[in-house]
Amino acid sequence: MRIVVQEAPFDLGAETSRFAEGHKDQGAIVTFTGLVREDGGMARMEIEHYPGMTERAITKIAEEAVTRWSLGDTLVIHRFGPMQPGEAIMMVATAAPHRKDAFEAAEFLMDYLKSRAPFWKKEIGPDGSDWVAAKDEDEDALDRW
């Protein structure tokens, strides 16, 4: 299991290749990458977090995923700081003997990161800035877990 919270951009291809190495006993690897979406003229997004607390919270939920599904490995990378539209915000990767576990665990981690991970997002546009509020559909996605 690897949990990384960093300001710097990451290389999706390199991270995926690194994650896949040595998993000869796993039949499935699922990856997901979230991007900053250009929405309503947004010029950039800024993400804040509390170092230490954020990593502990993500590690706890990743450990739960490993327990709930038959996972051989997990990876979560999440960025903070200023980001432009099109840049990667986060990446989740799961490895499991079978694809169902890999897909479900990845979705579980993505839903958690979207709704419960301790990050605060601010969108900055031509008319000023706004903190991103929680969305009902993101909260509803957690109900299935």
C-alpha atoms as a PDB file:
ATOM      1  CA  MET A   1       0.000   0.000   0.000  1.00  0.00           C
ATOM      2  CA  ARG A   2       1.271   3.420  -0.920  1.00  0.00           C
ATOM      3  CA  ILE A   3      -0.420   6.696   0.029  1.00  0.00           C
ATOM      4  CA  VAL A   4       1.089   9.916  -1.317  1.00  0.00           C
ATOM      5  CA  VAL A   5      -0.111  13.482  -0.752  1.00  0.00           C
ATOM      6  CA  GLN A   6       2.024  15.872  -2.748  1.00  0.00           C
ATOM      7  CA  GLU A   7       2.040  19.278  -4.398  1.00  0.00           C
ATOM      8  CA  ALA A   8       4.026  18.254  -7.482  1.00  0.00           C
ATOM      9  CA  PRO A   9       2.401  16.795 -10.596  1.00  0.00           C
ATOM     10  CA  PHE A  10       2.811  13.045 -11.130  1.00  0.00           C
ATOM     11  CA  ASP A  11       3.411  10.969 -14.240  1.00  0.00           C
ATOM     12  CA  LEU A  12       0.373   8.719 -14.702  1.00  0.00           C
ATOM     13  CA  GLY A  13       2.177   6.290 -17.019  1.00  0.00           C
ATOM     14  CA  ALA A  14       5.198   5.958 -14.755  1.00  0.00           C
ATOM     15  CA  GLU A  15       3.051   5.515 -11.645  1.00  0.00           C
ATOM     16  CA  THR A  16       0.892   2.873 -13.358  1.00  0.00           C
ATOM     17  CA  SER A  17       3.949   0.963 -14.581  1.00  0.00           C
ATOM     18  CA  ARG A  18       5.579   1.154 -11.153  1.00  0.00           C
ATOM     19  CA  PHE A  19       2.387  -0.081  -9.487  1.00  0.00           C
ATOM     20  CA  ALA A  20       2.010  -3.001 -11.918  1.00  0.00           C
ATOM     21  CA  GLU A  21       5.564  -4.286 -11.431  1.00  0.00           C
ATOM     22  CA  GLY A  22       5.840  -7.463  -9.421  1.00  0.00           C
ATOM     23  CA  HIS A  23       2.131  -8.268  -9.284  1.00  0.00           C
ATOM     24  CA  LYS A  24       2.355 -11.581 -11.106  1.00  0.00           C
ATOM     25  CA  ASP A  25      -0.105 -13.131  -8.630  1.00  0.00           C
ATOM     26  CA  GLN A  26      -2.782 -10.523  -9.397  1.00  0.00           C
ATOM     27  CA  GLY A  27      -5.191 -10.898 -12.324  1.00  0.00           C
ATOM     28  CA  ALA A  28      -6.447  -7.313 -12.455  1.00  0.00           C
ATOM     29  CA  ILE A  29      -5.125  -3.810 -12.050  1.00  0.00           C
ATOM     30  CA  VAL A  30      -7.595  -0.926 -12.133  1.00  0.00           C
ATOM     31  CA  THR A  31      -6.529   2.712 -12.274  1.00  0.00           C
ATOM     32  CA  PHE A  32      -8.469   5.947 -12.145  1.00  0.00           C
ATOM     33  CA  THR A  33      -7.168   9.475 -12.532  1.00  0.00           C
ATOM     34  CA  GLY A  34      -9.178  12.560 -11.598  1.00  0.00           C
ATOM     35  CA  LEU A  35      -8.510  15.760 -13.553  1.00  0.00           C
ATOM     36  CA  VAL A  36      -9.207  19.420 -12.906  1.00  0.00           C
ATOM     37  CA  ARG A  37     -12.249  20.133 -15.041  1.00  0.00           C
ATOM     38  CA  GLU A  38     -12.598  23.501 -16.755  1.00  0.00           C
ATOM     39  CA  ASP A  39     -16.016  24.384 -15.433  1.00  0.00           C
ATOM     40  CA  GLY A  40     -17.702  27.746 -15.910  1.00  0.00           C
ATOM     41  CA  GLY A  41     -14.543  29.614 -16.869  1.00  0.00           C
ATOM     42  CA  MET A  42     -12.526  28.409 -13.873  1.00  0.00           C
ATOM     43  CA  ALA A  43      -8.911  29.532 -14.260  1.00  0.00           C
ATOM     44  CA  ARG A  44      -7.444  27.283 -11.556  1.00  0.00           C
ATOM     45  CA  MET A  45      -8.240  25.200  -8.499  1.00  0.00           C
ATOM     46  CA  GLU A  46      -6.455  25.306  -5.160  1.00  0.00           C
ATOM     47  CA  ILE A  47      -6.586  22.386  -2.746  1.00  0.00           C
ATOM     48  CA  GLU A  48      -5.654  22.647   0.916  1.00  0.00           C
ATOM     49  CA  HIS A  49      -5.182  19.921   3.540  1.00  0.00           C
ATOM     50  CA  TYR A  50      -3.706  19.247   6.969  1.00  0.00           C
ATOM     51  CA  PRO A  51      -0.441  17.289   6.590  1.00  0.00           C
ATOM     52  CA  GLY A  52      -0.392  14.133   8.669  1.00  0.00           C
ATOM     53  CA  MET A  53      -4.142  14.100   9.238  1.00  0.00           C
ATOM     54  CA  THR A  54      -4.856  13.684   5.527  1.00  0.00           C
ATOM     55  CA  GLU A  55      -2.437  10.789   5.074  1.00  0.00           C
ATOM     56  CA  ARG A  56      -3.802   9.008   8.160  1.00  0.00           C
ATOM     57  CA  ALA A  57      -7.391   9.364   6.951  1.00  0.00           C
ATOM     58  CA  ILE A  58      -6.583   8.031   3.473  1.00  0.00           C
ATOM     59  CA  THR A  59      -4.496   5.179   4.897  1.00  0.00           C
ATOM     60  CA  LYS A  60      -7.390   4.158   7.143  1.00  0.00           C
ATOM     61  CA  ILE A  61      -9.844   3.928   4.249  1.00  0.00           C
ATOM     62  CA  ALA A  62      -7.287   2.140   2.038  1.00  0.00           C
ATOM     63  CA  GLU A  63      -6.798  -0.418   4.826  1.00  0.00           C
ATOM     64  CA  GLU A  64     -10.566  -0.889   4.946  1.00  0.00           C
ATOM     65  CA  ALA A  65     -10.599  -1.492   1.171  1.00  0.00           C
ATOM     66  CA  VAL A  66      -7.889  -4.149   1.514  1.00  0.00           C
ATOM     67  CA  THR A  67      -9.970  -5.868   4.204  1.00  0.00           C
ATOM     68  CA  ARG A  68     -13.307  -5.665   2.334  1.00  0.00           C
ATOM     69  CA  TRP A  69     -11.975  -6.847  -1.022  1.00  0.00           C
ATOM     70  CA  SER A  70      -9.277  -9.342  -1.874  1.00  0.00           C
ATOM     71  CA  LEU A  71      -6.632  -6.781  -2.808  1.00  0.00           C
ATOM     72  CA  GLY A  72      -2.978  -7.455  -3.375  1.00  0.00           C
ATOM     73  CA  ASP A  73      -2.052  -3.771  -3.368  1.00  0.00           C
ATOM     74  CA  THR A  74      -3.421  -0.215  -3.421  1.00  0.00           C
ATOM     75  CA  LEU A  75      -2.067   3.161  -4.444  1.00  0.00           C
ATOM     76  CA  VAL A  76      -3.547   6.589  -3.762  1.00  0.00           C
ATOM     77  CA  ILE A  77      -1.873   9.770  -4.954  1.00  0.00           C
ATOM     78  CA  HIS A  78      -3.600  13.074  -4.219  1.00  0.00           C
ATOM     79  CA  ARG A  79      -2.254  16.520  -4.967  1.00  0.00           C
ATOM     80  CA  PHE A  80      -2.683  19.801  -3.143  1.00  0.00           C
ATOM     81  CA  GLY A  81      -1.852  23.379  -4.016  1.00  0.00           C
ATOM     82  CA  PRO A  82      -2.707  25.289  -7.195  1.00  0.00           C
ATOM     83  CA  MET A  83      -3.711  23.322 -10.328  1.00  0.00           C
ATOM     84  CA  GLN A  84      -4.793  24.282 -13.820  1.00  0.00           C
ATOM     85  CA  PRO A  85      -7.652  22.725 -15.817  1.00  0.00           C
ATOM     86  CA  GLY A  86      -6.498  19.470 -17.383  1.00  0.00           C
ATOM     87  CA  GLU A  87      -3.981  18.658 -14.641  1.00  0.00           C
ATOM     88  CA  ALA A  88      -4.267  15.425 -12.658  1.00  0.00           C
ATOM     89  CA  ILE A  89      -5.582  15.897  -9.121  1.00  0.00           C
ATOM     90  CA  MET A  90      -5.457  12.302  -7.950  1.00  0.00           C
ATOM     91  CA  MET A  91      -4.889   8.688  -8.890  1.00  0.00           C
ATOM     92  CA  VAL A  92      -6.212   5.456  -7.422  1.00  0.00           C
ATOM     93  CA  ALA A  93      -4.851   2.029  -8.370  1.00  0.00           C
ATOM     94  CA  THR A  94      -5.921  -1.353  -7.066  1.00  0.00           C
ATOM     95  CA  ALA A  95      -4.537  -4.824  -7.750  1.00  0.00           C
ATOM     96  CA  ALA A  96      -6.556  -7.967  -7.065  1.00  0.00           C
ATOM     97  CA  PRO A  97      -6.685 -11.596  -8.189  1.00  0.00           C
ATOM     98  CA  HIS A  98     -10.013 -10.855  -9.927  1.00  0.00           C
ATOM     99  CA  ARG A  99     -11.350  -7.759 -11.717  1.00  0.00           C
ATOM    100  CA  LYS A 100     -14.549  -7.392  -9.676  1.00  0.00           C
ATOM    101  CA  ASP A 101     -12.605  -6.796  -6.461  1.00  0.00           C
ATOM    102  CA  ALA A 102     -10.199  -4.410  -8.208  1.00  0.00           C
ATOM    103  CA  PHE A 103     -13.033  -2.346  -9.743  1.00  0.00           C
ATOM    104  CA  GLU A 104     -15.200  -2.234  -6.616  1.00  0.00           C
ATOM    105  CA  ALA A 105     -12.317  -1.313  -4.336  1.00  0.00           C
ATOM    106  CA  ALA A 106     -11.207   1.443  -6.725  1.00  0.00           C
ATOM    107  CA  GLU A 107     -14.751   2.873  -6.818  1.00  0.00           C
ATOM    108  CA  PHE A 108     -14.961   2.700  -3.017  1.00  0.00           C
ATOM    109  CA  LEU A 109     -11.679   4.623  -2.700  1.00  0.00           C
ATOM    110  CA  MET A 110     -12.733   7.213  -5.292  1.00  0.00           C
ATOM    111  CA  ASP A 111     -16.094   7.792  -3.580  1.00  0.00           C
ATOM    112  CA  TYR A 112     -14.351   8.208  -0.235  1.00  0.00           C
ATOM    113  CA  LEU A 113     -11.745  10.611  -1.622  1.00  0.00           C
ATOM    114  CA  LYS A 114     -14.446  12.735  -3.258  1.00  0.00           C
ATOM    115  CA  SER A 115     -16.613  13.040  -0.140  1.00  0.00           C
ATOM    116  CA  ARG A 116     -14.681  12.293   3.036  1.00  0.00           C
ATOM    117  CA  ALA A 117     -10.965  12.838   2.579  1.00  0.00           C
ATOM    118  CA  PRO A 118      -9.914  16.007   4.422  1.00  0.00           C
ATOM    119  CA  PHE A 119      -9.224  18.262   1.441  1.00  0.00           C
ATOM    120  CA  TRP A 120     -10.676  21.714   0.832  1.00  0.00           C
ATOM    121  CA  LYS A 121     -11.066  22.881  -2.766  1.00  0.00           C
ATOM    122  CA  LYS A 122     -11.345  26.451  -3.995  1.00  0.00           C
ATOM    123  CA  GLU A 123     -12.172  27.349  -7.603  1.00  0.00           C
ATOM    124  CA  ILE A 124     -10.708  30.607  -8.875  1.00  0.00           C
ATOM    125  CA  GLY A 125     -12.219  32.287 -11.919  1.00  0.00           C
ATOM    126  CA  PRO A 126     -12.552  35.682 -13.581  1.00  0.00           C
ATOM    127  CA  ASP A 127     -15.230  36.744 -11.065  1.00  0.00           C
ATOM    128  CA  GLY A 128     -13.377  35.707  -7.913  1.00  0.00           C
ATOM    129  CA  SER A 129     -13.129  32.494  -5.932  1.00  0.00           C
ATOM    130  CA  ASP A 130     -15.492  30.038  -4.260  1.00  0.00           C
ATOM    131  CA  TRP A 131     -14.965  27.079  -1.963  1.00  0.00           C
ATOM    132  CA  VAL A 132     -16.402  23.896  -3.468  1.00  0.00           C
ATOM    133  CA  ALA A 133     -19.359  22.620  -1.443  1.00  0.00           C
ATOM    134  CA  ALA A 134     -20.214  18.960  -0.961  1.00  0.00           C
ATOM    135  CA  LYS A 135     -22.679  17.629  -3.536  1.00  0.00           C
ATOM    136  CA  ASP A 136     -25.653  15.450  -2.695  1.00  0.00           C
ATOM    137  CA  GLU A 137     -24.797  12.947  -5.442  1.00  0.00           C
ATOM    138  CA  ASP A 138     -21.286  12.484  -4.013  1.00  0.00           C
ATOM    139  CA  GLU A 139     -22.739  11.842  -0.572  1.00  0.00           C
ATOM    140  CA  ASP A 140     -25.331   9.451  -2.048  1.00  0.00           C
ATOM    141  CA  ALA A 141     -22.531   7.468  -3.729  1.00  0.00           C
ATOM    142  CA  LEU A 142     -21.231   6.509  -0.277  1.00  0.00           C
ATOM    143  CA  ASP A 143     -24.550   4.880   0.665  1.00  0.00           C
ATOM    144  CA  ARG A 144     -23.840   1.798  -1.418  1.00  0.00           C
ATOM    145  CA  TRP A 145     -20.736   0.978   0.623  1.00  0.00           C
END
